[in-house]
N, C-alpha and C. Protein backbone atom coordinates (compact mmCIF):
# COMPACT_ATOMS: atom_id res chain seq x y z
N UNK A 1 99.18 86.63 84.16
CA UNK A 1 100.53 86.57 83.66
C UNK A 1 100.96 85.14 83.34
N UNK A 2 100.59 84.21 84.23
CA UNK A 2 101.00 82.83 84.00
C UNK A 2 100.41 82.28 82.69
N UNK A 3 99.13 82.64 82.38
CA UNK A 3 98.51 82.14 81.16
C UNK A 3 99.27 82.63 79.94
N UNK A 4 99.65 83.91 79.91
CA UNK A 4 100.38 84.43 78.76
C UNK A 4 101.74 83.78 78.63
N UNK A 5 102.42 83.58 79.76
CA UNK A 5 103.72 82.91 79.71
C UNK A 5 103.58 81.48 79.24
N UNK A 6 102.59 80.75 79.74
CA UNK A 6 102.36 79.38 79.31
C UNK A 6 102.08 79.33 77.80
N UNK A 7 101.25 80.22 77.29
CA UNK A 7 100.92 80.23 75.87
C UNK A 7 102.16 80.52 75.02
N UNK A 8 102.98 81.46 75.46
CA UNK A 8 104.16 81.83 74.69
C UNK A 8 105.18 80.71 74.65
N UNK A 9 105.24 79.88 75.68
CA UNK A 9 106.24 78.82 75.76
C UNK A 9 105.73 77.44 75.40
N UNK A 10 104.42 77.32 75.24
CA UNK A 10 103.78 76.03 75.01
C UNK A 10 104.38 75.30 73.81
N UNK A 11 104.71 74.05 74.02
CA UNK A 11 105.21 73.15 72.96
C UNK A 11 106.51 73.62 72.31
N UNK A 12 107.32 74.39 73.00
CA UNK A 12 108.59 74.86 72.44
C UNK A 12 109.76 74.01 72.95
N UNK A 13 109.51 73.14 73.95
CA UNK A 13 110.57 72.27 74.44
C UNK A 13 111.69 73.01 75.16
N UNK A 14 111.36 74.12 75.82
CA UNK A 14 112.40 74.94 76.43
C UNK A 14 112.39 74.92 77.97
N UNK A 15 111.37 74.32 78.57
CA UNK A 15 111.26 74.29 80.04
C UNK A 15 112.39 73.45 80.61
N UNK A 16 113.04 73.97 81.66
CA UNK A 16 114.10 73.20 82.27
C UNK A 16 113.93 73.03 83.78
N UNK A 17 112.99 73.70 84.37
CA UNK A 17 112.84 73.62 85.82
C UNK A 17 111.56 74.23 86.28
N UNK A 18 111.40 74.38 87.59
CA UNK A 18 110.15 74.92 88.11
C UNK A 18 110.01 76.41 87.80
N UNK A 19 108.79 76.87 87.85
CA UNK A 19 108.55 78.30 87.66
C UNK A 19 108.66 78.98 89.03
N UNK A 20 108.82 80.28 89.00
CA UNK A 20 108.87 81.02 90.28
C UNK A 20 108.37 82.45 90.04
N UNK A 21 108.12 83.12 91.15
CA UNK A 21 107.59 84.47 91.11
C UNK A 21 108.49 85.36 91.95
N UNK A 22 108.78 86.55 91.45
CA UNK A 22 109.60 87.52 92.17
C UNK A 22 108.72 88.73 92.44
N UNK A 23 108.54 89.01 93.73
CA UNK A 23 107.71 90.14 94.16
C UNK A 23 108.60 91.34 94.44
N UNK A 24 108.42 92.41 93.68
CA UNK A 24 109.20 93.63 93.88
C UNK A 24 108.51 94.56 94.89
N UNK A 25 107.23 94.42 95.04
CA UNK A 25 106.46 95.23 96.00
C UNK A 25 105.22 94.46 96.40
N UNK A 26 104.55 94.95 97.40
CA UNK A 26 103.38 94.26 97.92
C UNK A 26 102.13 95.12 97.72
N UNK A 27 101.06 94.71 98.37
CA UNK A 27 99.81 95.45 98.27
C UNK A 27 100.01 96.90 98.67
N UNK A 28 99.26 97.84 98.21
CA UNK A 28 98.07 97.67 97.41
C UNK A 28 98.34 97.60 95.89
N UNK A 29 99.58 97.94 95.47
CA UNK A 29 99.87 97.92 94.03
C UNK A 29 101.02 96.97 93.77
N UNK A 30 100.67 95.73 93.43
CA UNK A 30 101.65 94.67 93.24
C UNK A 30 102.54 94.96 92.05
N UNK A 31 103.85 94.69 92.21
CA UNK A 31 104.78 94.66 91.09
C UNK A 31 105.43 93.28 91.13
N UNK A 32 105.10 92.45 90.18
CA UNK A 32 105.45 91.04 90.21
C UNK A 32 106.00 90.60 88.87
N UNK A 33 107.03 89.78 88.88
CA UNK A 33 107.52 89.10 87.68
C UNK A 33 107.33 87.61 87.88
N UNK A 34 106.97 86.92 86.82
CA UNK A 34 106.90 85.46 86.87
C UNK A 34 107.99 84.91 85.95
N UNK A 35 108.62 83.83 86.36
CA UNK A 35 109.77 83.30 85.68
C UNK A 35 109.65 81.81 85.44
N UNK A 36 110.33 81.38 84.40
CA UNK A 36 110.51 79.97 84.14
C UNK A 36 111.94 79.78 83.66
N UNK A 37 112.66 78.87 84.25
CA UNK A 37 114.01 78.59 83.77
C UNK A 37 113.90 77.93 82.42
N UNK A 38 114.69 78.41 81.46
CA UNK A 38 114.58 77.96 80.09
C UNK A 38 115.90 77.46 79.55
N UNK A 39 115.82 76.58 78.57
CA UNK A 39 116.98 76.14 77.82
C UNK A 39 116.54 76.22 76.35
N UNK A 40 117.13 77.12 75.64
CA UNK A 40 116.75 77.29 74.22
C UNK A 40 116.32 78.71 73.97
N UNK A 41 115.91 78.99 72.74
CA UNK A 41 115.54 80.32 72.31
C UNK A 41 114.04 80.51 72.37
N UNK A 42 113.65 81.66 72.86
CA UNK A 42 112.24 82.05 72.89
C UNK A 42 112.15 83.48 72.39
N UNK A 43 111.18 83.76 71.56
CA UNK A 43 111.01 85.10 71.03
C UNK A 43 110.18 85.94 72.01
N UNK A 44 110.72 87.06 72.51
CA UNK A 44 109.92 87.93 73.37
C UNK A 44 108.73 88.52 72.62
N UNK A 45 107.61 88.69 73.31
CA UNK A 45 106.45 89.30 72.70
C UNK A 45 105.50 89.75 73.79
N UNK A 46 104.87 90.90 73.59
CA UNK A 46 103.92 91.41 74.57
C UNK A 46 104.57 91.60 75.92
N UNK A 47 104.01 90.99 76.93
CA UNK A 47 104.57 91.08 78.27
C UNK A 47 105.73 90.12 78.50
N UNK A 48 105.97 89.25 77.54
CA UNK A 48 107.03 88.25 77.67
C UNK A 48 108.38 88.88 77.32
N UNK A 49 109.27 88.89 78.29
CA UNK A 49 110.61 89.44 78.10
C UNK A 49 111.60 88.40 78.60
N UNK A 50 112.81 88.46 78.08
CA UNK A 50 113.83 87.51 78.50
C UNK A 50 114.82 88.22 79.41
N UNK A 51 115.17 87.58 80.52
CA UNK A 51 116.13 88.10 81.45
C UNK A 51 117.09 87.01 81.86
N UNK A 52 118.33 87.35 82.03
CA UNK A 52 119.24 86.45 82.68
C UNK A 52 119.50 87.05 84.06
N UNK A 53 119.07 86.34 85.08
CA UNK A 53 119.20 86.84 86.45
C UNK A 53 120.64 86.65 86.92
N UNK A 54 121.19 87.67 87.56
CA UNK A 54 122.55 87.53 88.07
C UNK A 54 122.61 86.56 89.25
N UNK A 55 123.75 85.94 89.42
CA UNK A 55 123.93 85.06 90.56
C UNK A 55 123.99 85.88 91.84
N UNK A 56 123.59 85.29 92.92
CA UNK A 56 123.64 85.95 94.22
C UNK A 56 124.33 85.01 95.22
N UNK A 57 124.94 85.61 96.22
CA UNK A 57 125.65 84.84 97.24
C UNK A 57 124.67 84.11 98.16
N UNK A 58 123.61 84.80 98.57
CA UNK A 58 122.64 84.26 99.49
C UNK A 58 121.24 84.56 99.01
N UNK A 59 120.37 83.56 99.10
CA UNK A 59 118.99 83.73 98.68
C UNK A 59 118.10 82.82 99.51
N UNK A 60 116.94 83.33 99.86
CA UNK A 60 115.94 82.50 100.54
C UNK A 60 114.88 82.13 99.51
N UNK A 61 114.43 80.92 99.59
CA UNK A 61 113.35 80.49 98.67
C UNK A 61 112.46 79.52 99.42
N UNK A 62 111.25 79.37 98.91
CA UNK A 62 110.31 78.42 99.49
C UNK A 62 109.61 77.70 98.33
N UNK A 63 109.36 76.45 98.50
CA UNK A 63 108.63 75.66 97.52
C UNK A 63 107.28 75.31 98.16
N UNK A 64 106.22 75.71 97.50
CA UNK A 64 104.89 75.41 97.97
C UNK A 64 104.34 74.20 97.22
N UNK A 65 103.95 73.19 97.94
CA UNK A 65 103.30 72.03 97.34
C UNK A 65 101.93 71.92 97.97
N UNK A 66 100.93 72.03 97.17
CA UNK A 66 99.59 72.00 97.70
C UNK A 66 98.68 72.96 96.92
N UNK A 67 97.45 73.11 97.38
CA UNK A 67 96.50 73.97 96.68
C UNK A 67 96.90 75.45 96.81
N UNK A 68 96.58 76.20 95.77
CA UNK A 68 96.92 77.62 95.76
C UNK A 68 96.32 78.36 96.96
N UNK A 69 95.17 77.94 97.39
CA UNK A 69 94.50 78.61 98.51
C UNK A 69 95.36 78.57 99.80
N UNK A 70 96.30 77.63 99.88
CA UNK A 70 97.14 77.49 101.08
C UNK A 70 98.52 78.10 100.89
N UNK A 71 98.76 78.82 99.78
CA UNK A 71 100.11 79.36 99.52
C UNK A 71 100.52 80.39 100.56
N UNK A 72 99.58 81.02 101.22
CA UNK A 72 99.91 82.00 102.24
C UNK A 72 100.76 81.42 103.36
N UNK A 73 100.55 80.15 103.66
CA UNK A 73 101.34 79.49 104.72
C UNK A 73 102.81 79.40 104.30
N UNK A 74 103.08 79.19 103.03
CA UNK A 74 104.44 79.14 102.55
C UNK A 74 105.09 80.52 102.68
N UNK A 75 104.35 81.57 102.34
CA UNK A 75 104.88 82.93 102.48
C UNK A 75 105.16 83.25 103.94
N UNK A 76 104.25 82.89 104.83
CA UNK A 76 104.46 83.14 106.25
C UNK A 76 105.73 82.43 106.75
N UNK A 77 105.94 81.20 106.30
CA UNK A 77 107.11 80.44 106.73
C UNK A 77 108.42 81.08 106.27
N UNK A 78 108.48 81.54 105.03
CA UNK A 78 109.73 82.12 104.57
C UNK A 78 109.97 83.50 105.17
N UNK A 79 108.91 84.27 105.39
CA UNK A 79 109.08 85.55 106.04
C UNK A 79 109.59 85.36 107.46
N UNK A 80 109.04 84.41 108.18
CA UNK A 80 109.53 84.13 109.54
C UNK A 80 110.99 83.69 109.52
N UNK A 81 111.33 82.83 108.58
CA UNK A 81 112.71 82.35 108.47
C UNK A 81 113.66 83.51 108.25
N UNK A 82 113.31 84.40 107.32
CA UNK A 82 114.18 85.55 107.02
C UNK A 82 114.30 86.46 108.22
N UNK A 83 113.16 86.77 108.85
CA UNK A 83 113.18 87.68 109.99
C UNK A 83 114.03 87.13 111.14
N UNK A 84 114.01 85.82 111.36
CA UNK A 84 114.78 85.21 112.44
C UNK A 84 116.29 85.20 112.16
N UNK A 85 116.66 85.03 110.90
CA UNK A 85 118.06 84.87 110.56
C UNK A 85 118.72 86.13 110.02
N UNK A 86 117.93 86.98 109.38
CA UNK A 86 118.47 88.19 108.75
C UNK A 86 117.58 89.38 109.13
N UNK A 87 117.51 89.74 110.39
CA UNK A 87 116.55 90.77 110.82
C UNK A 87 116.79 92.14 110.20
N UNK A 88 117.99 92.45 109.75
CA UNK A 88 118.26 93.75 109.14
C UNK A 88 118.21 93.70 107.62
N UNK A 89 117.83 92.58 107.08
CA UNK A 89 117.86 92.37 105.62
C UNK A 89 116.75 93.15 104.93
N UNK A 90 115.60 93.26 105.54
CA UNK A 90 114.47 93.86 104.83
C UNK A 90 113.42 94.30 105.83
N UNK A 91 112.47 95.05 105.30
CA UNK A 91 111.30 95.41 106.10
C UNK A 91 110.09 95.26 105.21
N UNK A 92 109.04 94.77 105.78
CA UNK A 92 107.78 94.64 105.02
C UNK A 92 107.01 95.94 105.14
N UNK A 93 106.36 96.35 104.05
CA UNK A 93 105.55 97.59 104.09
C UNK A 93 104.39 97.47 105.04
C-alpha cells in the first residue's frame, strides 16, 4: 500500500506531515488504511482515495523512530498506555 501511495503522490508537492496507519482490525485478516496529511489537490485512482478525517476529542498515538523490525515495541507501548488509562475503551481480539 505504501508503494502505491508514494507513487501516486510523488513529486506533487502536497506532503504536509508524517504518514500514519489506521488499523481497523487485526490478524488473521488485516483491515488497514495508510494516510498522509496533504495540502493541495490529488486525483484519486486505484486504491488511492481521499478522506477528510473528523476531529476527535481524545486520541492516542505513537511515533516509532527506528528500524521497522522494532515497530512491535511501539505498538506494545501504546497498547499498554491505553489499557492503563482507558481500560473500558477497547478490547483486543
